PDB file of N, CA and C in Angstrom:
ATOM      1  N   MET A   1       0.674  -1.059   0.045  1.00  0.00           N
ATOM      2  CA  MET A   1      -0.012  -0.148  -0.083  1.00  0.00           C
ATOM      3  C   MET A   1       1.271   1.201   0.514  1.00  0.00           C
ATOM      4  N   THR A   2       0.745   2.422  -1.068  1.00  0.00           N
ATOM      5  CA  THR A   2       1.715   3.224  -0.915  1.00  0.00           C
ATOM      6  C   THR A   2       0.474   4.389  -0.046  1.00  0.00           C
ATOM      7  N   GLN A   3       1.509   5.494   0.275  1.00  0.00           N
ATOM      8  CA  GLN A   3       1.323   6.837   1.033  1.00  0.00           C
ATOM      9  C   GLN A   3       0.810   7.921   0.467  1.00  0.00           C
ATOM     10  N   ARG A   4      -0.002   8.244   0.271  1.00  0.00           N
ATOM     11  CA  ARG A   4      -0.708   9.524  -0.635  1.00  0.00           C
ATOM     12  C   ARG A   4      -0.440  10.680   0.356  1.00  0.00           C
ATOM     13  N   LYS A   5       0.902  11.787   0.140  1.00  0.00           N
ATOM     14  CA  LYS A   5       0.470  12.748   0.965  1.00  0.00           C
ATOM     15  C   LYS A   5      -0.280  13.919   0.243  1.00  0.00           C
ATOM     16  N   VAL A   6      -1.116  14.504   1.336  1.00  0.00           N
ATOM     17  CA  VAL A   6      -1.903  15.703   1.230  1.00  0.00           C
ATOM     18  C   VAL A   6      -1.102  17.025   0.935  1.00  0.00           C
ATOM     19  N   VAL A   7      -1.634  17.705   0.067  1.00  0.00           N
ATOM     20  CA  VAL A   7      -1.635  18.891  -0.156  1.00  0.00           C
ATOM     21  C   VAL A   7      -1.995  20.101  -0.151  1.00  0.00           C
ATOM     22  N   ARG A   8      -2.081  20.583   0.609  1.00  0.00           N
ATOM     23  CA  ARG A   8      -3.470  21.702   0.801  1.00  0.00           C
ATOM     24  C   ARG A   8      -3.349  22.485  -0.722  1.00  0.00           C
ATOM     25  N   SER A   9      -5.043  23.190  -1.150  1.00  0.00           N
ATOM     26  CA  SER A   9      -4.938  23.478  -2.164  1.00  0.00           C
ATOM     27  C   SER A   9      -3.986  25.059  -1.907  1.00  0.00           C
ATOM     28  N   ASP A  10      -3.923  25.702  -0.656  1.00  0.00           N
ATOM     29  CA  ASP A  10      -3.556  27.137  -0.589  1.00  0.00           C
ATOM     30  C   ASP A  10      -1.600  27.004  -0.869  1.00  0.00           C
ATOM     31  N   THR A  11      -1.196  25.967  -0.874  1.00  0.00           N
ATOM     32  CA  THR A  11       0.385  25.262  -0.876  1.00  0.00           C
ATOM     33  C   THR A  11       0.490  24.859  -2.220  1.00  0.00           C
ATOM     34  N   LEU A  12      -0.037  24.439  -2.561  1.00  0.00           N
ATOM     35  CA  LEU A  12       0.325  24.485  -3.839  1.00  0.00           C
ATOM     36  C   LEU A  12      -0.065  25.318  -4.503  1.00  0.00           C
ATOM     37  N   PHE A  13      -0.952  26.218  -4.465  1.00  0.00           N
ATOM     38  CA  PHE A  13      -0.824  27.457  -5.571  1.00  0.00           C
ATOM     39  C   PHE A  13       0.169  28.610  -5.077  1.00  0.00           C
ATOM     40  N   CYS A  14       0.496  28.361  -3.574  1.00  0.00           N
ATOM     41  CA  CYS A  14       1.534  29.407  -3.418  1.00  0.00           C
ATOM     42  C   CYS A  14       2.706  28.651  -4.663  1.00  0.00           C
ATOM     43  N   ILE A  15       3.554  27.391  -4.241  1.00  0.00           N
ATOM     44  CA  ILE A  15       4.256  26.869  -4.725  1.00  0.00           C
ATOM     45  C   ILE A  15       4.505  27.235  -6.728  1.00  0.00           C
ATOM     46  N   ARG A  16       2.746  26.969  -7.238  1.00  0.00           N
ATOM     47  CA  ARG A  16       2.897  27.598  -8.367  1.00  0.00           C
ATOM     48  C   ARG A  16       3.342  28.814  -8.896  1.00  0.00           C
ATOM     49  N   THR A  17       2.838  29.801  -8.034  1.00  0.00           N
ATOM     50  CA  THR A  17       3.166  30.886  -7.884  1.00  0.00           C
ATOM     51  C   THR A  17       4.430  31.579  -7.828  1.00  0.00           C
ATOM     52  N   MET A  18       5.051  30.803  -6.988  1.00  0.00           N
ATOM     53  CA  MET A  18       6.549  30.978  -7.178  1.00  0.00           C
ATOM     54  C   MET A  18       7.427  30.734  -8.375  1.00  0.00           C
ATOM     55  N   GLU A  19       6.684  29.254  -8.913  1.00  0.00           N
ATOM     56  CA  GLU A  19       7.284  28.771 -10.218  1.00  0.00           C
ATOM     57  C   GLU A  19       6.796  29.839 -11.596  1.00  0.00           C
ATOM     58  N   ALA A  20       6.292  30.436 -11.277  1.00  0.00           N
ATOM     59  CA  ALA A  20       5.555  31.728 -12.505  1.00  0.00           C
ATOM     60  C   ALA A  20       6.546  32.469 -12.130  1.00  0.00           C
ATOM     61  N   GLU A  21       6.673  33.021 -10.679  1.00  0.00           N
ATOM     62  CA  GLU A  21       7.675  34.306 -10.895  1.00  0.00           C
ATOM     63  C   GLU A  21       9.036  34.259 -11.235  1.00  0.00           C
ATOM     64  N   LEU A  22       9.679  33.329 -11.281  1.00  0.00           N
ATOM     65  CA  LEU A  22      10.743  32.720 -11.288  1.00  0.00           C
ATOM     66  C   LEU A  22      10.964  32.677 -12.825  1.00  0.00           C
ATOM     67  N   ALA A  23      10.093  31.488 -13.748  1.00  0.00           N
ATOM     68  CA  ALA A  23      10.050  31.944 -15.237  1.00  0.00           C
ATOM     69  C   ALA A  23      10.152  32.715 -15.723  1.00  0.00           C
ATOM     70  N   ILE A  24       8.715  33.594 -15.108  1.00  0.00           N
ATOM     71  CA  ILE A  24       9.167  35.267 -15.502  1.00  0.00           C
ATOM     72  C   ILE A  24      10.552  35.873 -15.637  1.00  0.00           C
ATOM     73  N   GLN A  25      11.268  35.781 -14.469  1.00  0.00           N
ATOM     74  CA  GLN A  25      12.277  36.595 -14.472  1.00  0.00           C
ATOM     75  C   GLN A  25      13.100  35.821 -15.352  1.00  0.00           C
ATOM     76  N   GLU A  26      13.417  34.329 -15.609  1.00  0.00           N
ATOM     77  CA  GLU A  26      14.461  33.698 -16.289  1.00  0.00           C
ATOM     78  C   GLU A  26      14.249  34.232 -17.985  1.00  0.00           C
ATOM     79  N   PHE A  27      12.681  34.354 -18.190  1.00  0.00           N
ATOM     80  CA  PHE A  27      12.357  35.120 -19.591  1.00  0.00           C
ATOM     81  C   PHE A  27      12.453  36.165 -19.711  1.00  0.00           C
ATOM     82  N   LEU A  28      12.544  37.284 -18.610  1.00  0.00           N
ATOM     83  CA  LEU A  28      12.925  38.399 -19.101  1.00  0.00           C
ATOM     84  C   LEU A  28      14.841  38.619 -19.307  1.00  0.00           C
ATOM     85  N   GLY A  29      15.382  37.776 -18.515  1.00  0.00           N
ATOM     86  CA  GLY A  29      16.437  38.148 -18.601  1.00  0.00           C
ATOM     87  C   GLY A  29      16.942  37.164 -19.839  1.00  0.00           C
ATOM     88  N   TYR A  30      16.386  36.177 -20.452  1.00  0.00           N
ATOM     89  CA  TYR A  30      16.991  35.607 -21.865  1.00  0.00           C
ATOM     90  C   TYR A  30      16.963  36.300 -22.633  1.00  0.00           C
ATOM     91  N   VAL A  31      15.340  37.350 -22.909  1.00  0.00           N
ATOM     92  CA  VAL A  31      14.987  38.232 -24.230  1.00  0.00           C
ATOM     93  C   VAL A  31      15.948  39.097 -24.060  1.00  0.00           C
ATOM     94  N   VAL A  32      16.036  40.015 -22.910  1.00  0.00           N
ATOM     95  CA  VAL A  32      17.092  41.003 -22.547  1.00  0.00           C
ATOM     96  C   VAL A  32      18.290  40.401 -23.460  1.00  0.00           C
ATOM     97  N   VAL A  33      19.255  39.819 -22.736  1.00  0.00           N
ATOM     98  CA  VAL A  33      20.785  39.281 -22.934  1.00  0.00           C
ATOM     99  C   VAL A  33      20.689  39.013 -24.501  1.00  0.00           C
ATOM    100  N   GLN A  34      19.632  38.837 -25.257  1.00  0.00           N
ATOM    101  CA  GLN A  34      19.508  38.540 -26.962  1.00  0.00           C
ATOM    102  C   GLN A  34      19.639  39.676 -27.377  1.00  0.00           C
ATOM    103  N   LEU A  35      19.479  40.803 -27.150  1.00  0.00           N
ATOM    104  CA  LEU A  35      19.384  42.171 -27.518  1.00  0.00           C
ATOM    105  C   LEU A  35      20.656  43.080 -27.361  1.00  0.00           C
ATOM    106  N   ILE A  36      21.397  42.681 -26.420  1.00  0.00           N
ATOM    107  CA  ILE A  36      22.062  43.651 -25.893  1.00  0.00           C
ATOM    108  C   ILE A  36      23.918  43.296 -25.910  1.00  0.00           C
ATOM    109  N   LYS A  37      24.745  44.528 -25.847  1.00  0.00           N
ATOM    110  CA  LYS A  37      26.126  44.418 -26.685  1.00  0.00           C
ATOM    111  C   LYS A  37      26.859  43.947 -25.513  1.00  0.00           C
ATOM    112  N   HIS A  38      26.272  44.274 -23.842  1.00  0.00           N
ATOM    113  CA  HIS A  38      26.890  43.976 -22.582  1.00  0.00           C
ATOM    114  C   HIS A  38      26.439  43.078 -21.491  1.00  0.00           C
ATOM    115  N   PRO A  39      25.815  41.763 -22.130  1.00  0.00           N
ATOM    116  CA  PRO A  39      24.966  40.699 -21.471  1.00  0.00           C
ATOM    117  C   PRO A  39      25.918  40.335 -19.873  1.00  0.00           C
ATOM    118  N   GLU A  40      27.394  40.578 -19.874  1.00  0.00           N
ATOM    119  CA  GLU A  40      27.806  40.151 -18.396  1.00  0.00           C
ATOM    120  C   GLU A  40      27.234  41.641 -17.327  1.00  0.00           C
ATOM    121  N   GLU A  41      26.474  42.515 -17.824  1.00  0.00           N
ATOM    122  CA  GLU A  41      25.924  43.403 -16.890  1.00  0.00           C
ATOM    123  C   GLU A  41      24.846  43.579 -16.487  1.00  0.00           C
ATOM    124  N   ALA A  42      23.999  43.012 -17.217  1.00  0.00           N
ATOM    125  CA  ALA A  42      22.767  42.737 -17.424  1.00  0.00           C
ATOM    126  C   ALA A  42      22.141  41.698 -16.240  1.00  0.00           C
ATOM    127  N   SER A  43      21.015  41.902 -15.316  1.00  0.00           N
ATOM    128  CA  SER A  43      20.292  40.937 -14.434  1.00  0.00           C
ATOM    129  C   SER A  43      18.622  41.628 -14.564  1.00  0.00           C
ATOM    130  N   VAL A  44      18.240  40.648 -13.819  1.00  0.00           N
ATOM    131  CA  VAL A  44      16.462  40.857 -13.530  1.00  0.00           C
ATOM    132  C   VAL A  44      16.192  40.889 -12.476  1.00  0.00           C
ATOM    133  N   VAL A  45      15.802  41.831 -11.647  1.00  0.00           N
ATOM    134  CA  VAL A  45      15.881  41.199  -9.866  1.00  0.00           C
ATOM    135  C   VAL A  45      14.343  41.446  -9.557  1.00  0.00           C
ATOM    136  N   HIS A  46      13.841  40.866  -9.046  1.00  0.00           N
ATOM    137  CA  HIS A  46      12.623  40.280  -8.643  1.00  0.00           C
ATOM    138  C   HIS A  46      12.409  40.892  -7.302  1.00  0.00           C
ATOM    139  N   GLU A  47      11.242  41.784  -7.398  1.00  0.00           N
ATOM    140  CA  GLU A  47      10.997  42.408  -5.639  1.00  0.00           C
ATOM    141  C   GLU A  47       9.240  42.393  -6.002  1.00  0.00           C
ATOM    142  N   LYS A  48       8.898  42.220  -4.217  1.00  0.00           N
ATOM    143  CA  LYS A  48       7.648  41.772  -4.472  1.00  0.00           C
ATOM    144  C   LYS A  48       7.189  42.800  -2.927  1.00  0.00           C
ATOM    145  N   ASP A  49       5.884  43.843  -3.448  1.00  0.00           N
ATOM    146  CA  ASP A  49       5.550  44.190  -2.167  1.00  0.00           C
ATOM    147  C   ASP A  49       3.930  44.444  -2.427  1.00  0.00           C
ATOM    148  N   GLY A  50       3.286  43.306  -1.548  1.00  0.00           N
ATOM    149  CA  GLY A  50       1.953  43.306  -1.434  1.00  0.00           C
ATOM    150  C   GLY A  50       1.710  42.156  -2.691  1.00  0.00           C
ATOM    151  N   GLU A  51       1.192  43.052  -3.116  1.00  0.00           N
ATOM    152  CA  GLU A  51       0.364  42.047  -4.126  1.00  0.00           C
ATOM    153  C   GLU A  51       1.392  41.924  -5.451  1.00  0.00           C
ATOM    154  N   ARG A  52       1.667  43.464  -5.909  1.00  0.00           N
ATOM    155  CA  ARG A  52       2.717  43.952  -7.074  1.00  0.00           C
ATOM    156  C   ARG A  52       3.907  43.127  -7.128  1.00  0.00           C
ATOM    157  N   HIS A  53       4.634  42.490  -8.544  1.00  0.00           N
ATOM    158  CA  HIS A  53       5.452  42.466  -8.187  1.00  0.00           C
ATOM    159  C   HIS A  53       6.325  43.119  -9.161  1.00  0.00           C
ATOM    160  N   LEU A  54       7.330  43.214  -8.747  1.00  0.00           N
ATOM    161  CA  LEU A  54       8.289  44.509  -9.486  1.00  0.00           C
ATOM    162  C   LEU A  54       9.434  43.423 -10.207  1.00  0.00           C
ATOM    163  N   TYR A  55       9.783  43.814 -11.428  1.00  0.00           N
ATOM    164  CA  TYR A  55      11.113  42.929 -12.092  1.00  0.00           C
ATOM    165  C   TYR A  55      11.792  44.163 -12.612  1.00  0.00           C
ATOM    166  N   LYS A  56      12.944  44.470 -12.014  1.00  0.00           N
ATOM    167  CA  LYS A  56      13.866  45.603 -12.536  1.00  0.00           C
ATOM    168  C   LYS A  56      15.252  44.787 -13.294  1.00  0.00           C
ATOM    169  N   ILE A  57      15.264  45.854 -14.738  1.00  0.00           N
ATOM    170  CA  ILE A  57      16.170  45.372 -15.380  1.00  0.00           C
ATOM    171  C   ILE A  57      16.737  46.099 -15.502  1.00  0.00           C
ATOM    172  N   ARG A  58      18.413  45.746 -14.854  1.00  0.00           N
ATOM    173  CA  ARG A  58      19.644  46.637 -14.866  1.00  0.00           C
ATOM    174  C   ARG A  58      20.546  46.072 -15.973  1.00  0.00           C
ATOM    175  N   LEU A  59      20.694  47.286 -16.476  1.00  0.00           N
ATOM    176  CA  LEU A  59      21.457  47.241 -18.053  1.00  0.00           C
ATOM    177  C   LEU A  59      22.816  48.251 -17.863  1.00  0.00           C
ATOM    178  N   HIS A  60      23.723  47.722 -18.445  1.00  0.00           N
ATOM    179  CA  HIS A  60      24.796  48.898 -18.901  1.00  0.00           C
ATOM    180  C   HIS A  60      23.997  50.141 -19.604  1.00  0.00           C
ATOM    181  N   PRO A  61      24.369  51.320 -19.501  1.00  0.00           N
ATOM    182  CA  PRO A  61      23.676  52.472 -20.286  1.00  0.00           C
ATOM    183  C   PRO A  61      23.585  52.670 -21.574  1.00  0.00           C
ATOM    184  N   ASP A  62      24.873  52.094 -21.949  1.00  0.00           N
ATOM    185  CA  ASP A  62      24.659  51.885 -23.295  1.00  0.00           C
ATOM    186  C   ASP A  62      23.699  50.483 -24.067  1.00  0.00           C
ATOM    187  N   ASP A  63      23.156  50.272 -23.142  1.00  0.00           N
ATOM    188  CA  ASP A  63      22.305  49.217 -23.423  1.00  0.00           C
ATOM    189  C   ASP A  63      21.013  49.105 -23.549  1.00  0.00           C
ATOM    190  N   ALA A  64      20.537  50.812 -22.929  1.00  0.00           N
ATOM    191  CA  ALA A  64      18.891  50.220 -22.320  1.00  0.00           C
ATOM    192  C   ALA A  64      18.242  51.042 -23.820  1.00  0.00           C
ATOM    193  N   GLY A  65      18.719  51.903 -24.481  1.00  0.00           N
ATOM    194  CA  GLY A  65      18.274  51.767 -25.615  1.00  0.00           C
ATOM    195  C   GLY A  65      17.721  50.562 -26.397  1.00  0.00           C
ATOM    196  N   ARG A  66      18.622  50.042 -26.547  1.00  0.00           N
ATOM    197  CA  ARG A  66      18.198  48.790 -27.540  1.00  0.00           C
ATOM    198  C   ARG A  66      16.942  48.312 -26.748  1.00  0.00           C
ATOM    199  N   VAL A  67      17.123  48.103 -25.780  1.00  0.00           N
ATOM    200  CA  VAL A  67      15.718  47.440 -24.908  1.00  0.00           C
ATOM    201  C   VAL A  67      14.606  48.038 -24.982  1.00  0.00           C
ATOM    202  N   ILE A  68      15.004  49.156 -24.775  1.00  0.00           N
ATOM    203  CA  ILE A  68      13.870  50.174 -25.130  1.00  0.00           C
ATOM    204  C   ILE A  68      13.092  50.313 -26.076  1.00  0.00           C
ATOM    205  N   GLY A  69      13.839  50.341 -27.352  1.00  0.00           N
ATOM    206  CA  GLY A  69      13.466  50.416 -28.722  1.00  0.00           C
ATOM    207  C   GLY A  69      12.703  51.523 -29.164  1.00  0.00           C
ATOM    208  N   ARG A  70      12.620  51.980 -30.347  1.00  0.00           N
ATOM    209  CA  ARG A  70      12.175  52.854 -31.032  1.00  0.00           C
ATOM    210  C   ARG A  70      10.453  52.962 -29.982  1.00  0.00           C
ATOM    211  N   ASN A  71      10.674  54.544 -29.855  1.00  0.00           N
ATOM    212  CA  ASN A  71       9.289  54.943 -28.841  1.00  0.00           C
ATOM    213  C   ASN A  71       8.675  54.068 -27.926  1.00  0.00           C
ATOM    214  N   GLY A  72       9.708  53.102 -27.435  1.00  0.00           N
ATOM    215  CA  GLY A  72       9.678  52.438 -26.388  1.00  0.00           C
ATOM    216  C   GLY A  72       8.679  50.517 -26.974  1.00  0.00           C
ATOM    217  N   LYS A  73       8.882  50.908 -28.128  1.00  0.00           N
ATOM    218  CA  LYS A  73       7.532  49.829 -28.474  1.00  0.00           C
ATOM    219  C   LYS A  73       8.717  48.200 -28.596  1.00  0.00           C
ATOM    220  N   THR A  74       9.974  47.517 -27.747  1.00  0.00           N
ATOM    221  CA  THR A  74      11.100  46.990 -27.841  1.00  0.00           C
ATOM    222  C   THR A  74      10.325  46.494 -26.784  1.00  0.00           C
ATOM    223  N   ILE A  75      10.507  47.421 -25.656  1.00  0.00           N
ATOM    224  CA  ILE A  75      10.013  46.828 -23.597  1.00  0.00           C
ATOM    225  C   ILE A  75       8.580  47.260 -23.766  1.00  0.00           C
ATOM    226  N   GLY A  76       7.678  47.240 -24.239  1.00  0.00           N
ATOM    227  CA  GLY A  76       6.467  47.827 -24.498  1.00  0.00           C
ATOM    228  C   GLY A  76       6.204  46.329 -24.992  1.00  0.00           C
ATOM    229  N   ALA A  77       6.499  45.591 -25.742  1.00  0.00           N
ATOM    230  CA  ALA A  77       6.264  43.822 -26.569  1.00  0.00           C
ATOM    231  C   ALA A  77       6.710  43.064 -25.154  1.00  0.00           C
ATOM    232  N   ILE A  78       8.164  43.429 -24.656  1.00  0.00           N
ATOM    233  CA  ILE A  78       8.392  42.427 -23.415  1.00  0.00           C
ATOM    234  C   ILE A  78       7.402  42.835 -22.189  1.00  0.00           C
ATOM    235  N   ARG A  79       7.281  43.510 -22.083  1.00  0.00           N
ATOM    236  CA  ARG A  79       6.200  43.725 -21.269  1.00  0.00           C
ATOM    237  C   ARG A  79       4.874  43.517 -21.085  1.00  0.00           C
ATOM    238  N   SER A  80       4.536  43.321 -22.711  1.00  0.00           N
ATOM    239  CA  SER A  80       2.999  42.867 -22.571  1.00  0.00           C
ATOM    240  C   SER A  80       3.328  41.117 -22.553  1.00  0.00           C
ATOM    241  N   LEU A  81       4.480  40.508 -23.178  1.00  0.00           N
ATOM    242  CA  LEU A  81       4.106  39.161 -22.914  1.00  0.00           C
ATOM    243  C   LEU A  81       4.462  38.849 -21.611  1.00  0.00           C
ATOM    244  N   ALA A  82       5.373  39.706 -20.870  1.00  0.00           N
ATOM    245  CA  ALA A  82       5.269  38.508 -19.397  1.00  0.00           C
ATOM    246  C   ALA A  82       4.153  39.526 -18.630  1.00  0.00           C
ATOM    247  N   ILE A  83       3.590  39.818 -18.865  1.00  0.00           N
ATOM    248  CA  ILE A  83       2.489  40.398 -18.548  1.00  0.00           C
ATOM    249  C   ILE A  83       1.229  39.508 -18.433  1.00  0.00           C
ATOM    250  N   ALA A  84       1.063  39.001 -19.559  1.00  0.00           N
ATOM    251  CA  ALA A  84      -0.134  38.177 -20.153  1.00  0.00           C
ATOM    252  C   ALA A  84       0.427  36.657 -19.711  1.00  0.00           C
ATOM    253  N   SER A  85       1.507  36.256 -19.291  1.00  0.00           N
ATOM    254  CA  SER A  85       1.881  34.690 -18.647  1.00  0.00           C
ATOM    255  C   SER A  85       1.340  35.243 -17.342  1.00  0.00           C
ATOM    256  N   ALA A  86       2.317  36.638 -16.553  1.00  0.00           N
ATOM    257  CA  ALA A  86       1.403  36.245 -15.174  1.00  0.00           C
ATOM    258  C   ALA A  86       0.307  36.569 -14.693  1.00  0.00           C
ATOM    259  N   GLN A  87      -0.622  36.992 -15.923  1.00  0.00           N
ATOM    260  CA  GLN A  87      -1.931  36.821 -15.606  1.00  0.00           C
ATOM    261  C   GLN A  87      -2.698  35.702 -15.792  1.00  0.00           C
ATOM    262  N   ARG A  88      -1.949  34.769 -16.394  1.00  0.00           N
ATOM    263  CA  ARG A  88      -2.722  33.354 -16.254  1.00  0.00           C
ATOM    264  C   ARG A  88      -2.221  32.688 -15.378  1.00  0.00           C
ATOM    265  N   HIS A  89      -1.548  33.009 -14.157  1.00  0.00           N
ATOM    266  CA  HIS A  89      -1.011  32.484 -12.793  1.00  0.00           C
ATOM    267  C   HIS A  89      -2.134  33.716 -11.545  1.00  0.00           C
ATOM    268  N   GLY A  90      -2.604  34.404 -12.094  1.00  0.00           N
ATOM    269  CA  GLY A  90      -3.222  35.575 -10.941  1.00  0.00           C
ATOM    270  C   GLY A  90      -1.924  36.304 -10.293  1.00  0.00           C
ATOM    271  N   ILE A  91      -0.876  36.615 -11.379  1.00  0.00           N
ATOM    272  CA  ILE A  91       0.408  37.297 -10.718  1.00  0.00           C
ATOM    273  C   ILE A  91      -0.221  38.644 -11.409  1.00  0.00           C
ATOM    274  N   ARG A  92       0.319  39.988 -10.423  1.00  0.00           N
ATOM    275  CA  ARG A  92      -0.195  41.500 -11.206  1.00  0.00           C
ATOM    276  C   ARG A  92       1.519  41.790 -11.180  1.00  0.00           C
ATOM    277  N   ILE A  93       2.374  42.159 -12.102  1.00  0.00           N
ATOM    278  CA  ILE A  93       3.821  42.805 -12.372  1.00  0.00           C
ATOM    279  C   ILE A  93       3.806  43.800 -13.212  1.00  0.00           C
ATOM    280  N   ASP A  94       5.055  44.111 -12.712  1.00  0.00           N
ATOM    281  CA  ASP A  94       5.207  45.700 -13.475  1.00  0.00           C
ATOM    282  C   ASP A  94       6.895  45.245 -13.958  1.00  0.00           C
ATOM    283  N   VAL A  95       7.374  45.821 -15.032  1.00  0.00           N
ATOM    284  CA  VAL A  95       8.483  45.886 -15.775  1.00  0.00           C
ATOM    285  C   VAL A  95       9.364  47.137 -15.661  1.00  0.00           C
ATOM    286  N   GLU A  96      10.439  47.292 -15.273  1.00  0.00           N
ATOM    287  CA  GLU A  96      11.545  48.679 -15.403  1.00  0.00           C
ATOM    288  C   GLU A  96      12.391  48.431 -15.570  1.00  0.00           C
ATOM    289  N   ILE A  97      13.131  49.532 -15.978  1.00  0.00           N
ATOM    290  CA  ILE A  97      14.318  49.681 -16.747  1.00  0.00           C
ATOM    291  C   ILE A  97      15.624  50.422 -15.946  1.00  0.00           C
ATOM    292  N   GLU A  98      16.766  49.935 -15.766  1.00  0.00           N
ATOM    293  CA  GLU A  98      17.444  50.504 -14.849  1.00  0.00           C
ATOM    294  C   GLU A  98      18.844  50.588 -15.318  1.00  0.00           C
ATOM    295  N   ASP A  99      19.513  51.512 -15.689  1.00  0.00           N
ATOM    296  CA  ASP A  99      20.971  51.543 -15.891  1.00  0.00           C
ATOM    297  C   ASP A  99      21.843  51.152 -14.387  1.00  0.00           C
ATOM    298  N   ALA A 100      22.583  50.766 -15.122  1.00  0.00           N
ATOM    299  CA  ALA A 100      23.889  49.672 -14.312  1.00  0.00           C
ATOM    300  C   ALA A 100      24.424  51.013 -13.054  1.00  0.00           C
ATOM    301  N   GLU A 101      24.057  52.640 -13.535  1.00  0.00           N
ATOM    302  CA  GLU A 101      25.006  53.488 -13.058  1.00  0.00           C
ATOM    303  C   GLU A 101      23.765  53.950 -11.500  1.00  0.00           C
ATOM    304  N   ASP A 102      22.516  53.552 -11.955  1.00  0.00           N
ATOM    305  CA  ASP A 102      21.732  54.218 -10.877  1.00  0.00           C
ATOM    306  C   ASP A 102      21.818  53.514  -9.443  1.00  0.00           C
TER     307      ASP A 102
END
């Protein structure tokens, strides 16, 4: 006879939320590194403030324009994909860009 471990639904939700948070952070890091010239200076930091999740993309100052794109279209597309993924998991996020000098 095998023993079954009972997992509470709120615990399972918490685990799935943490997995989604990590997946979004990895996605942002992967996409950004493909666009920039100084990938060694890029990082994505995740901060949680209550219900809001903030992902800060830290870049070399020369790379910020590449990620922002003309009229903000590149970062807008990246944000849209990240937000759509987060919404599937019931997470509210925002994505910001910071220069490494900030």
